[in-house]
Amino acid sequence: MFKREDRKVARARRHRRIRKRISGTQDRPRLAVARSLKHIYAQIIDDQSGTTLAFASSLDPEIRSQVKNGGNVEAARLVGKLIGEKAQAKGIKQVVFDRGGNLYHGRVAALAEGARESGLEF
């Protein structure tokens, strides 16, 4: 069995490998996903200028009022919808998806699905 440290090192290695190829531009920023055991976070980042254009997490008051637990698939889908709405408000229609070295499954996939539902293309 893998130890927790081994999984963390493997995720970090995957993330470094992904970030070599993926970077956000002003025309097509990067949608970065970070997750912890209790919450999930999403940022839309322009890597050329080094700025965060939009941010959403399961800690936002809109989402906390709707879900009891911020670390489940339902909360992730709501975070995806919220980040998509914030991006649309700023005129962002296309993004590059950065799963942060996490597997595209469960909460990460639900967040991506929620963002697609709200109109983001990636």
N, C-alpha and C. Protein backbone atom coordinates (compact mmCIF):
# COMPACT_ATOMS: atom_id res chain seq x y z
N MET A 1 0.84 -1.19 0.00
CA MET A 1 0.00 0.00 0.00
C MET A 1 0.87 1.24 0.00
N PHE A 2 0.33 2.27 -0.65
CA PHE A 2 1.04 3.54 -0.66
C PHE A 2 0.84 4.26 0.66
N LYS A 3 1.86 4.91 1.10
CA LYS A 3 1.73 5.78 2.26
C LYS A 3 1.23 7.13 1.77
N ARG A 4 0.69 7.91 2.67
CA ARG A 4 0.17 9.23 2.33
C ARG A 4 1.25 10.10 1.69
N GLU A 5 2.47 10.04 2.21
CA GLU A 5 3.57 10.86 1.69
C GLU A 5 3.89 10.47 0.24
N ASP A 6 3.83 9.16 -0.05
CA ASP A 6 4.09 8.70 -1.41
C ASP A 6 3.06 9.25 -2.38
N ARG A 7 1.78 9.27 -1.97
CA ARG A 7 0.72 9.80 -2.83
C ARG A 7 0.90 11.28 -3.05
N LYS A 8 1.30 12.00 -2.00
CA LYS A 8 1.52 13.44 -2.12
C LYS A 8 2.67 13.74 -3.07
N VAL A 9 3.73 12.96 -2.99
CA VAL A 9 4.88 13.15 -3.87
C VAL A 9 4.50 12.83 -5.31
N ALA A 10 3.73 11.77 -5.51
CA ALA A 10 3.30 11.40 -6.86
C ALA A 10 2.39 12.47 -7.46
N ARG A 11 1.49 13.04 -6.66
CA ARG A 11 0.61 14.10 -7.15
C ARG A 11 1.43 15.33 -7.52
N ALA A 12 2.39 15.69 -6.68
CA ALA A 12 3.24 16.85 -6.98
C ALA A 12 4.05 16.63 -8.26
N ARG A 13 4.52 15.41 -8.47
CA ARG A 13 5.27 15.08 -9.68
C ARG A 13 4.37 15.21 -10.92
N ARG A 14 3.14 14.69 -10.83
CA ARG A 14 2.19 14.82 -11.93
C ARG A 14 1.88 16.29 -12.21
N HIS A 15 1.73 17.07 -11.15
CA HIS A 15 1.40 18.48 -11.31
C HIS A 15 2.54 19.23 -12.01
N ARG A 16 3.78 18.96 -11.63
CA ARG A 16 4.93 19.59 -12.30
C ARG A 16 4.98 19.22 -13.78
N ARG A 17 4.69 17.96 -14.08
CA ARG A 17 4.71 17.49 -15.46
C ARG A 17 3.62 18.19 -16.28
N ILE A 18 2.46 18.35 -15.70
CA ILE A 18 1.36 19.02 -16.38
C ILE A 18 1.67 20.50 -16.60
N ARG A 19 2.22 21.16 -15.59
CA ARG A 19 2.47 22.60 -15.67
C ARG A 19 3.57 22.95 -16.67
N LYS A 20 4.39 21.98 -17.07
CA LYS A 20 5.38 22.24 -18.11
C LYS A 20 4.69 22.57 -19.42
N ARG A 21 3.54 21.92 -19.66
CA ARG A 21 2.84 22.08 -20.93
C ARG A 21 1.69 23.08 -20.88
N ILE A 22 1.08 23.26 -19.73
CA ILE A 22 -0.12 24.10 -19.62
C ILE A 22 0.24 25.43 -18.98
N SER A 23 -0.18 26.51 -19.64
CA SER A 23 -0.09 27.82 -19.01
C SER A 23 -1.21 28.68 -19.55
N GLY A 24 -1.68 29.59 -18.72
CA GLY A 24 -2.81 30.43 -19.10
C GLY A 24 -2.35 31.72 -19.74
N THR A 25 -3.07 32.16 -20.75
CA THR A 25 -2.80 33.43 -21.41
C THR A 25 -3.96 34.37 -21.15
N GLN A 26 -3.84 35.58 -21.64
CA GLN A 26 -4.93 36.53 -21.46
C GLN A 26 -6.17 36.10 -22.24
N ASP A 27 -5.95 35.52 -23.43
CA ASP A 27 -7.07 35.06 -24.25
C ASP A 27 -7.69 33.78 -23.71
N ARG A 28 -6.85 32.90 -23.18
CA ARG A 28 -7.33 31.60 -22.67
C ARG A 28 -6.63 31.32 -21.34
N PRO A 29 -7.18 31.83 -20.23
CA PRO A 29 -6.54 31.63 -18.93
C PRO A 29 -6.66 30.19 -18.43
N ARG A 30 -5.97 29.91 -17.34
CA ARG A 30 -5.91 28.57 -16.78
C ARG A 30 -6.90 28.45 -15.63
N LEU A 31 -7.72 27.40 -15.66
CA LEU A 31 -8.62 27.08 -14.55
C LEU A 31 -7.91 26.05 -13.68
N ALA A 32 -7.40 26.50 -12.54
CA ALA A 32 -6.63 25.64 -11.65
C ALA A 32 -7.52 25.14 -10.52
N VAL A 33 -7.41 23.86 -10.22
CA VAL A 33 -8.21 23.23 -9.17
C VAL A 33 -7.29 22.77 -8.05
N ALA A 34 -7.67 23.09 -6.82
CA ALA A 34 -6.96 22.59 -5.65
C ALA A 34 -8.00 21.98 -4.73
N ARG A 35 -7.65 20.88 -4.10
CA ARG A 35 -8.62 20.26 -3.19
C ARG A 35 -7.94 19.84 -1.91
N SER A 36 -8.70 19.91 -0.85
CA SER A 36 -8.26 19.41 0.44
C SER A 36 -9.31 18.40 0.89
N LEU A 37 -9.14 17.86 2.06
CA LEU A 37 -10.13 16.89 2.53
C LEU A 37 -11.48 17.53 2.81
N LYS A 38 -11.49 18.80 3.23
CA LYS A 38 -12.74 19.44 3.61
C LYS A 38 -13.31 20.39 2.57
N HIS A 39 -12.49 20.88 1.64
CA HIS A 39 -12.96 21.89 0.71
C HIS A 39 -12.34 21.70 -0.67
N ILE A 40 -12.86 22.46 -1.65
CA ILE A 40 -12.30 22.47 -3.00
C ILE A 40 -12.25 23.92 -3.47
N TYR A 41 -11.22 24.26 -4.22
CA TYR A 41 -10.95 25.63 -4.62
C TYR A 41 -10.71 25.67 -6.12
N ALA A 42 -11.11 26.76 -6.77
CA ALA A 42 -10.88 26.93 -8.21
C ALA A 42 -10.46 28.38 -8.46
N GLN A 43 -9.44 28.54 -9.31
CA GLN A 43 -8.98 29.87 -9.69
C GLN A 43 -8.86 29.93 -11.20
N ILE A 44 -9.12 31.10 -11.74
CA ILE A 44 -8.84 31.35 -13.14
C ILE A 44 -7.66 32.31 -13.16
N ILE A 45 -6.55 31.87 -13.78
CA ILE A 45 -5.27 32.55 -13.67
C ILE A 45 -4.74 32.92 -15.05
N ASP A 46 -4.25 34.14 -15.17
CA ASP A 46 -3.50 34.58 -16.35
C ASP A 46 -2.02 34.47 -15.97
N ASP A 47 -1.34 33.45 -16.49
CA ASP A 47 0.05 33.20 -16.11
C ASP A 47 1.02 34.22 -16.70
N GLN A 48 0.66 34.86 -17.80
CA GLN A 48 1.56 35.83 -18.40
C GLN A 48 1.72 37.06 -17.52
N SER A 49 0.62 37.52 -16.91
CA SER A 49 0.71 38.68 -16.02
C SER A 49 0.80 38.26 -14.55
N GLY A 50 0.56 36.97 -14.28
CA GLY A 50 0.64 36.47 -12.92
C GLY A 50 -0.51 36.94 -12.03
N THR A 51 -1.70 37.07 -12.61
CA THR A 51 -2.84 37.55 -11.83
C THR A 51 -3.96 36.51 -11.80
N THR A 52 -4.70 36.53 -10.71
CA THR A 52 -5.88 35.70 -10.56
C THR A 52 -7.07 36.52 -11.03
N LEU A 53 -7.79 36.02 -12.01
CA LEU A 53 -8.92 36.75 -12.59
C LEU A 53 -10.23 36.46 -11.87
N ALA A 54 -10.38 35.24 -11.36
CA ALA A 54 -11.59 34.86 -10.64
C ALA A 54 -11.25 33.74 -9.67
N PHE A 55 -12.01 33.67 -8.56
CA PHE A 55 -11.76 32.67 -7.54
C PHE A 55 -13.08 32.20 -6.96
N ALA A 56 -13.20 30.92 -6.70
CA ALA A 56 -14.38 30.37 -6.04
C ALA A 56 -13.94 29.17 -5.21
N SER A 57 -14.64 28.95 -4.12
CA SER A 57 -14.34 27.79 -3.28
C SER A 57 -15.59 27.35 -2.54
N SER A 58 -15.49 26.21 -1.91
CA SER A 58 -16.62 25.71 -1.13
C SER A 58 -16.78 26.50 0.17
N LEU A 59 -15.90 27.45 0.42
CA LEU A 59 -16.02 28.32 1.59
C LEU A 59 -16.84 29.57 1.30
N ASP A 60 -17.18 29.83 0.03
CA ASP A 60 -17.98 31.00 -0.33
C ASP A 60 -19.35 30.91 0.35
N PRO A 61 -19.87 32.04 0.83
CA PRO A 61 -21.16 32.03 1.54
C PRO A 61 -22.31 31.45 0.72
N GLU A 62 -22.31 31.69 -0.61
CA GLU A 62 -23.39 31.16 -1.46
C GLU A 62 -23.42 29.64 -1.43
N ILE A 63 -22.24 29.03 -1.41
CA ILE A 63 -22.15 27.58 -1.46
C ILE A 63 -22.34 26.98 -0.07
N ARG A 64 -21.80 27.64 0.94
CA ARG A 64 -21.92 27.11 2.31
C ARG A 64 -23.37 27.05 2.77
N SER A 65 -24.20 27.97 2.26
CA SER A 65 -25.60 27.96 2.64
C SER A 65 -26.36 26.81 1.96
N GLN A 66 -25.82 26.30 0.85
CA GLN A 66 -26.51 25.25 0.11
C GLN A 66 -26.09 23.84 0.47
N VAL A 67 -24.83 23.66 0.90
CA VAL A 67 -24.35 22.32 1.22
C VAL A 67 -23.83 22.28 2.66
N LYS A 68 -23.98 21.12 3.25
CA LYS A 68 -23.52 20.94 4.62
C LYS A 68 -22.01 20.70 4.67
N ASN A 69 -21.53 19.89 3.71
CA ASN A 69 -20.12 19.50 3.68
C ASN A 69 -19.47 20.07 2.42
N GLY A 70 -18.35 20.77 2.57
CA GLY A 70 -17.67 21.37 1.42
C GLY A 70 -16.75 20.42 0.69
N GLY A 71 -16.58 19.20 1.19
CA GLY A 71 -15.64 18.27 0.59
C GLY A 71 -16.30 17.14 -0.17
N ASN A 72 -17.48 17.39 -0.75
CA ASN A 72 -18.13 16.32 -1.49
C ASN A 72 -18.39 16.73 -2.94
N VAL A 73 -18.92 15.82 -3.73
CA VAL A 73 -19.11 16.04 -5.16
C VAL A 73 -20.14 17.14 -5.42
N GLU A 74 -21.17 17.20 -4.62
CA GLU A 74 -22.20 18.23 -4.79
C GLU A 74 -21.60 19.62 -4.62
N ALA A 75 -20.78 19.81 -3.61
CA ALA A 75 -20.13 21.11 -3.38
C ALA A 75 -19.18 21.44 -4.54
N ALA A 76 -18.48 20.45 -5.05
CA ALA A 76 -17.56 20.68 -6.16
C ALA A 76 -18.32 21.13 -7.41
N ARG A 77 -19.47 20.55 -7.68
CA ARG A 77 -20.26 20.95 -8.84
C ARG A 77 -20.73 22.40 -8.68
N LEU A 78 -21.12 22.78 -7.47
CA LEU A 78 -21.56 24.16 -7.23
C LEU A 78 -20.40 25.14 -7.37
N VAL A 79 -19.21 24.74 -6.93
CA VAL A 79 -18.02 25.59 -7.10
C VAL A 79 -17.73 25.77 -8.58
N GLY A 80 -17.87 24.71 -9.37
CA GLY A 80 -17.67 24.80 -10.81
C GLY A 80 -18.66 25.76 -11.45
N LYS A 81 -19.92 25.69 -11.06
CA LYS A 81 -20.92 26.60 -11.60
C LYS A 81 -20.60 28.04 -11.21
N LEU A 82 -20.20 28.25 -9.96
CA LEU A 82 -19.89 29.60 -9.49
C LEU A 82 -18.68 30.18 -10.21
N ILE A 83 -17.62 29.41 -10.40
CA ILE A 83 -16.44 29.92 -11.10
C ILE A 83 -16.78 30.20 -12.56
N GLY A 84 -17.65 29.39 -13.16
CA GLY A 84 -18.09 29.64 -14.53
C GLY A 84 -18.88 30.93 -14.65
N GLU A 85 -19.76 31.19 -13.69
CA GLU A 85 -20.54 32.43 -13.70
C GLU A 85 -19.64 33.65 -13.51
N LYS A 86 -18.66 33.54 -12.61
CA LYS A 86 -17.74 34.65 -12.39
C LYS A 86 -16.89 34.90 -13.63
N ALA A 87 -16.50 33.85 -14.32
CA ALA A 87 -15.71 33.99 -15.54
C ALA A 87 -16.55 34.64 -16.64
N GLN A 88 -17.79 34.20 -16.79
CA GLN A 88 -18.67 34.79 -17.81
C GLN A 88 -18.88 36.27 -17.55
N ALA A 89 -19.00 36.65 -16.28
CA ALA A 89 -19.19 38.07 -15.92
C ALA A 89 -17.98 38.91 -16.32
N LYS A 90 -16.79 38.29 -16.34
CA LYS A 90 -15.57 39.01 -16.74
C LYS A 90 -15.25 38.83 -18.22
N GLY A 91 -16.13 38.16 -18.96
CA GLY A 91 -15.94 38.01 -20.39
C GLY A 91 -15.03 36.85 -20.79
N ILE A 92 -14.79 35.92 -19.88
CA ILE A 92 -13.95 34.76 -20.17
C ILE A 92 -14.84 33.62 -20.62
N LYS A 93 -14.58 33.11 -21.82
CA LYS A 93 -15.40 32.02 -22.36
C LYS A 93 -14.63 30.71 -22.48
N GLN A 94 -13.30 30.80 -22.72
CA GLN A 94 -12.48 29.60 -22.89
C GLN A 94 -11.36 29.59 -21.86
N VAL A 95 -11.09 28.42 -21.31
CA VAL A 95 -10.00 28.25 -20.35
C VAL A 95 -9.24 26.97 -20.66
N VAL A 96 -8.06 26.85 -20.06
CA VAL A 96 -7.28 25.62 -20.09
C VAL A 96 -7.45 24.99 -18.72
N PHE A 97 -7.81 23.72 -18.66
CA PHE A 97 -8.10 23.07 -17.39
C PHE A 97 -6.83 22.48 -16.78
N ASP A 98 -6.52 22.88 -15.55
CA ASP A 98 -5.37 22.37 -14.80
C ASP A 98 -5.90 21.63 -13.58
N ARG A 99 -5.84 20.32 -13.63
CA ARG A 99 -6.40 19.51 -12.54
C ARG A 99 -5.47 19.42 -11.34
N GLY A 100 -4.33 20.04 -11.41
CA GLY A 100 -3.43 20.12 -10.26
C GLY A 100 -2.77 18.81 -9.89
N GLY A 101 -2.62 17.91 -10.85
CA GLY A 101 -2.01 16.62 -10.55
C GLY A 101 -2.98 15.61 -9.97
N ASN A 102 -4.21 16.04 -9.70
CA ASN A 102 -5.23 15.12 -9.19
C ASN A 102 -5.81 14.33 -10.36
N LEU A 103 -6.33 13.16 -10.07
CA LEU A 103 -6.97 12.35 -11.09
C LEU A 103 -8.28 13.01 -11.51
N TYR A 104 -8.62 12.90 -12.79
CA TYR A 104 -9.87 13.47 -13.29
C TYR A 104 -11.00 12.51 -12.94
N HIS A 105 -11.44 12.62 -11.70
CA HIS A 105 -12.43 11.69 -11.17
C HIS A 105 -13.06 12.34 -9.94
N GLY A 106 -14.28 12.01 -9.64
CA GLY A 106 -14.90 12.47 -8.41
C GLY A 106 -15.09 13.98 -8.37
N ARG A 107 -14.53 14.62 -7.35
CA ARG A 107 -14.73 16.05 -7.14
C ARG A 107 -14.13 16.90 -8.25
N VAL A 108 -12.98 16.52 -8.76
CA VAL A 108 -12.34 17.30 -9.83
C VAL A 108 -13.20 17.24 -11.09
N ALA A 109 -13.70 16.08 -11.44
CA ALA A 109 -14.56 15.93 -12.61
C ALA A 109 -15.89 16.67 -12.41
N ALA A 110 -16.43 16.66 -11.20
CA ALA A 110 -17.68 17.35 -10.91
C ALA A 110 -17.51 18.86 -11.05
N LEU A 111 -16.38 19.38 -10.59
CA LEU A 111 -16.11 20.80 -10.73
C LEU A 111 -16.03 21.18 -12.21
N ALA A 112 -15.34 20.37 -13.00
CA ALA A 112 -15.22 20.63 -14.44
C ALA A 112 -16.59 20.58 -15.11
N GLU A 113 -17.41 19.62 -14.72
CA GLU A 113 -18.75 19.49 -15.28
C GLU A 113 -19.61 20.71 -14.94
N GLY A 114 -19.50 21.19 -13.70
CA GLY A 114 -20.24 22.38 -13.28
C GLY A 114 -19.80 23.62 -14.04
N ALA A 115 -18.50 23.74 -14.30
CA ALA A 115 -18.00 24.88 -15.06
C ALA A 115 -18.49 24.83 -16.50
N ARG A 116 -18.54 23.63 -17.07
CA ARG A 116 -19.04 23.48 -18.43
C ARG A 116 -20.53 23.83 -18.50
N GLU A 117 -21.29 23.43 -17.47
CA GLU A 117 -22.72 23.73 -17.43
C GLU A 117 -22.99 25.23 -17.43
N SER A 118 -22.08 25.99 -16.83
CA SER A 118 -22.29 27.44 -16.76
C SER A 118 -21.72 28.18 -17.97
N GLY A 119 -21.19 27.44 -18.94
CA GLY A 119 -20.80 28.05 -20.20
C GLY A 119 -19.32 28.12 -20.51
N LEU A 120 -18.46 27.66 -19.63
CA LEU A 120 -17.02 27.68 -19.94
C LEU A 120 -16.67 26.56 -20.91
N GLU A 121 -15.74 26.85 -21.81
CA GLU A 121 -15.28 25.84 -22.77
C GLU A 121 -13.84 25.48 -22.47
N PHE A 122 -13.57 24.18 -22.39
CA PHE A 122 -12.18 23.68 -22.26
C PHE A 122 -12.10 22.25 -22.67
